N, C-alpha and C. Protein backbone atom coordinates (compact mmCIF):
# COMPACT_ATOMS: atom_id res chain seq x y z
N MET A 1 48.74 -25.40 -84.58
CA MET A 1 48.60 -25.70 -85.99
C MET A 1 47.16 -26.11 -86.32
N GLU A 2 46.53 -26.84 -85.39
CA GLU A 2 45.17 -27.28 -85.63
C GLU A 2 44.21 -26.10 -85.69
N TYR A 3 44.47 -25.10 -84.88
CA TYR A 3 43.57 -23.96 -84.83
C TYR A 3 43.64 -23.12 -86.10
N SER A 4 44.77 -23.10 -86.77
CA SER A 4 44.89 -22.29 -87.98
C SER A 4 43.98 -22.82 -89.09
N ILE A 5 43.79 -24.13 -89.14
CA ILE A 5 42.90 -24.70 -90.16
C ILE A 5 41.46 -24.28 -89.88
N PHE A 6 41.06 -24.35 -88.60
CA PHE A 6 39.69 -23.96 -88.25
C PHE A 6 39.46 -22.47 -88.47
N ILE A 7 40.46 -21.66 -88.18
CA ILE A 7 40.34 -20.22 -88.42
C ILE A 7 40.21 -19.95 -89.91
N PHE A 8 40.99 -20.65 -90.72
CA PHE A 8 40.90 -20.48 -92.17
C PHE A 8 39.52 -20.89 -92.68
N LEU A 9 39.00 -22.01 -92.19
CA LEU A 9 37.67 -22.45 -92.62
C LEU A 9 36.58 -21.48 -92.17
N ALA A 10 36.71 -20.95 -90.96
CA ALA A 10 35.72 -19.99 -90.47
C ALA A 10 35.75 -18.71 -91.29
N LEU A 11 36.93 -18.20 -91.60
CA LEU A 11 37.03 -16.99 -92.42
C LEU A 11 36.50 -17.23 -93.83
N THR A 12 36.73 -18.41 -94.37
CA THR A 12 36.22 -18.74 -95.70
C THR A 12 34.69 -18.77 -95.69
N CYS A 13 34.11 -19.36 -94.64
CA CYS A 13 32.64 -19.39 -94.53
C CYS A 13 32.07 -17.99 -94.41
N VAL A 14 32.71 -17.14 -93.62
CA VAL A 14 32.25 -15.76 -93.47
C VAL A 14 32.33 -15.03 -94.80
N LEU A 15 33.38 -15.27 -95.55
CA LEU A 15 33.53 -14.63 -96.85
C LEU A 15 32.42 -15.05 -97.81
N PHE A 16 32.12 -16.35 -97.87
CA PHE A 16 31.06 -16.82 -98.76
C PHE A 16 29.69 -16.32 -98.33
N MET A 17 29.45 -16.27 -97.03
CA MET A 17 28.16 -15.77 -96.55
C MET A 17 28.02 -14.28 -96.84
N GLY A 18 29.10 -13.55 -96.76
CA GLY A 18 29.06 -12.12 -97.09
C GLY A 18 28.78 -11.90 -98.56
N GLN A 19 29.31 -12.74 -99.41
CA GLN A 19 29.05 -12.61 -100.84
C GLN A 19 27.59 -12.89 -101.16
N SER A 20 26.99 -13.87 -100.50
CA SER A 20 25.59 -14.17 -100.79
C SER A 20 24.68 -13.07 -100.27
N CYS A 21 25.06 -12.40 -99.19
CA CYS A 21 24.25 -11.28 -98.69
C CYS A 21 24.33 -10.09 -99.64
N LEU A 22 25.46 -9.88 -100.25
CA LEU A 22 25.59 -8.77 -101.19
C LEU A 22 24.81 -9.03 -102.47
N ALA A 23 24.60 -10.30 -102.81
CA ALA A 23 23.91 -10.63 -104.04
C ALA A 23 22.39 -10.62 -103.89
N ALA A 24 21.88 -10.47 -102.68
CA ALA A 24 20.43 -10.47 -102.47
C ALA A 24 19.81 -9.20 -103.04
N PRO A 25 18.63 -9.30 -103.64
CA PRO A 25 17.98 -8.11 -104.20
C PRO A 25 17.49 -7.18 -103.09
N SER A 26 17.43 -5.92 -103.39
CA SER A 26 16.97 -4.95 -102.41
C SER A 26 15.45 -5.01 -102.27
N ALA A 27 14.94 -4.40 -101.21
CA ALA A 27 13.49 -4.40 -100.98
C ALA A 27 12.78 -3.60 -102.07
N ASP A 28 13.43 -2.56 -102.58
CA ASP A 28 12.84 -1.76 -103.65
C ASP A 28 12.68 -2.58 -104.93
N ASP A 29 13.70 -3.40 -105.24
CA ASP A 29 13.61 -4.26 -106.41
C ASP A 29 12.50 -5.29 -106.26
N LEU A 30 12.36 -5.84 -105.06
CA LEU A 30 11.29 -6.82 -104.84
C LEU A 30 9.92 -6.17 -104.95
N ALA A 31 9.78 -4.93 -104.51
CA ALA A 31 8.49 -4.23 -104.64
C ALA A 31 8.16 -3.97 -106.10
N LYS A 32 9.17 -3.59 -106.88
CA LYS A 32 8.96 -3.36 -108.31
C LYS A 32 8.57 -4.66 -109.02
N PHE A 33 9.18 -5.77 -108.60
CA PHE A 33 8.85 -7.06 -109.19
C PHE A 33 7.41 -7.45 -108.88
N GLY A 34 6.97 -7.22 -107.65
CA GLY A 34 5.58 -7.52 -107.29
C GLY A 34 4.59 -6.68 -108.06
N GLU A 35 4.94 -5.40 -108.26
CA GLU A 35 4.06 -4.51 -109.02
C GLU A 35 3.98 -4.96 -110.48
N MET A 36 5.12 -5.36 -111.04
CA MET A 36 5.15 -5.83 -112.42
C MET A 36 4.34 -7.12 -112.56
N GLU A 37 4.43 -8.01 -111.58
CA GLU A 37 3.68 -9.26 -111.63
C GLU A 37 2.17 -9.00 -111.59
N ARG A 38 1.74 -8.06 -110.75
CA ARG A 38 0.31 -7.72 -110.68
C ARG A 38 -0.18 -7.12 -111.99
N SER A 39 0.62 -6.24 -112.61
CA SER A 39 0.18 -5.62 -113.86
C SER A 39 0.13 -6.65 -114.99
N ILE A 40 1.04 -7.62 -114.99
CA ILE A 40 1.00 -8.68 -116.00
C ILE A 40 -0.25 -9.54 -115.81
N LYS A 41 -0.60 -9.85 -114.56
CA LYS A 41 -1.81 -10.63 -114.31
C LYS A 41 -3.06 -9.88 -114.75
N GLU A 42 -3.11 -8.57 -114.46
CA GLU A 42 -4.27 -7.78 -114.87
C GLU A 42 -4.38 -7.72 -116.39
N LEU A 43 -3.26 -7.53 -117.06
CA LEU A 43 -3.26 -7.48 -118.51
C LEU A 43 -3.69 -8.82 -119.11
N THR A 44 -3.17 -9.90 -118.56
CA THR A 44 -3.55 -11.22 -119.06
C THR A 44 -5.02 -11.50 -118.83
N SER A 45 -5.53 -11.12 -117.66
CA SER A 45 -6.95 -11.33 -117.38
C SER A 45 -7.83 -10.52 -118.32
N SER A 46 -7.43 -9.29 -118.61
CA SER A 46 -8.24 -8.48 -119.52
C SER A 46 -8.20 -9.02 -120.94
N ILE A 47 -7.05 -9.53 -121.37
CA ILE A 47 -6.96 -10.12 -122.71
C ILE A 47 -7.82 -11.37 -122.78
N LEU A 48 -7.78 -12.20 -121.73
CA LEU A 48 -8.61 -13.40 -121.72
C LEU A 48 -10.09 -13.04 -121.68
N ALA A 49 -10.45 -12.00 -120.96
CA ALA A 49 -11.86 -11.59 -120.89
C ALA A 49 -12.34 -11.08 -122.24
N MET A 50 -11.49 -10.33 -122.95
CA MET A 50 -11.88 -9.82 -124.27
C MET A 50 -12.03 -10.94 -125.28
N SER A 51 -11.20 -11.99 -125.15
CA SER A 51 -11.27 -13.08 -126.11
C SER A 51 -12.34 -14.10 -125.73
N GLY A 52 -12.89 -13.99 -124.53
CA GLY A 52 -13.92 -14.93 -124.11
C GLY A 52 -13.37 -16.16 -123.44
N ALA A 53 -12.08 -16.24 -123.29
CA ALA A 53 -11.45 -17.40 -122.64
C ALA A 53 -11.40 -17.16 -121.13
N THR A 54 -11.09 -18.21 -120.40
CA THR A 54 -10.95 -18.10 -118.95
C THR A 54 -9.58 -18.57 -118.53
N THR A 55 -9.19 -18.23 -117.29
CA THR A 55 -7.89 -18.67 -116.80
C THR A 55 -7.90 -20.10 -116.34
N GLY A 56 -9.07 -20.67 -116.06
CA GLY A 56 -9.17 -22.05 -115.60
C GLY A 56 -9.41 -23.00 -116.76
N PHE A 57 -9.72 -24.25 -116.40
CA PHE A 57 -9.96 -25.26 -117.42
C PHE A 57 -11.44 -25.35 -117.78
N ARG A 58 -12.30 -24.82 -116.91
CA ARG A 58 -13.74 -24.89 -117.17
C ARG A 58 -14.19 -23.62 -117.88
N PRO A 59 -14.99 -23.72 -118.92
CA PRO A 59 -15.40 -22.52 -119.65
C PRO A 59 -16.32 -21.61 -118.85
N GLY A 60 -17.05 -22.11 -117.85
CA GLY A 60 -17.96 -21.27 -117.08
C GLY A 60 -17.33 -20.68 -115.84
N ALA A 61 -16.05 -20.89 -115.63
CA ALA A 61 -15.39 -20.42 -114.41
C ALA A 61 -15.14 -18.92 -114.49
N ASN A 62 -14.95 -18.31 -113.33
CA ASN A 62 -14.68 -16.87 -113.31
C ASN A 62 -13.21 -16.60 -113.61
N ASN A 63 -12.91 -15.39 -114.03
CA ASN A 63 -11.55 -15.02 -114.41
C ASN A 63 -10.76 -14.56 -113.18
N VAL A 64 -10.43 -15.50 -112.31
CA VAL A 64 -9.66 -15.20 -111.11
C VAL A 64 -8.45 -16.10 -111.08
N TRP A 65 -7.29 -15.53 -110.77
CA TRP A 65 -6.08 -16.32 -110.64
C TRP A 65 -6.15 -17.11 -109.34
N PRO A 66 -5.64 -18.34 -109.32
CA PRO A 66 -5.68 -19.14 -108.09
C PRO A 66 -4.94 -18.48 -106.93
N GLU A 67 -3.87 -17.73 -107.20
CA GLU A 67 -3.12 -17.06 -106.14
C GLU A 67 -3.97 -15.99 -105.47
N ASP A 68 -4.86 -15.35 -106.24
CA ASP A 68 -5.70 -14.30 -105.68
C ASP A 68 -6.77 -14.87 -104.76
N LEU A 69 -7.16 -16.12 -104.98
CA LEU A 69 -8.17 -16.73 -104.14
C LEU A 69 -7.62 -17.05 -102.75
N HIS A 70 -6.32 -17.35 -102.67
CA HIS A 70 -5.71 -17.67 -101.38
C HIS A 70 -5.35 -16.44 -100.58
N ALA A 71 -5.23 -15.31 -101.22
CA ALA A 71 -4.77 -14.09 -100.52
C ALA A 71 -5.86 -13.47 -99.68
């Protein structure tokens, strides 16, 4: 009788873990998201450059995103 409870809990855990694996985005979706993020950054940088503003807090700073400096 004790083993049936553990078997039930183990099967329940496997079921929940399987559901979370099915909900994960595919590699193709992640690649599209990265491409979209880069194009949004480029568009924002060009708009800021045309308006004379910068992405940082200092007016004399260059138009570089902080994430691009670490890469």
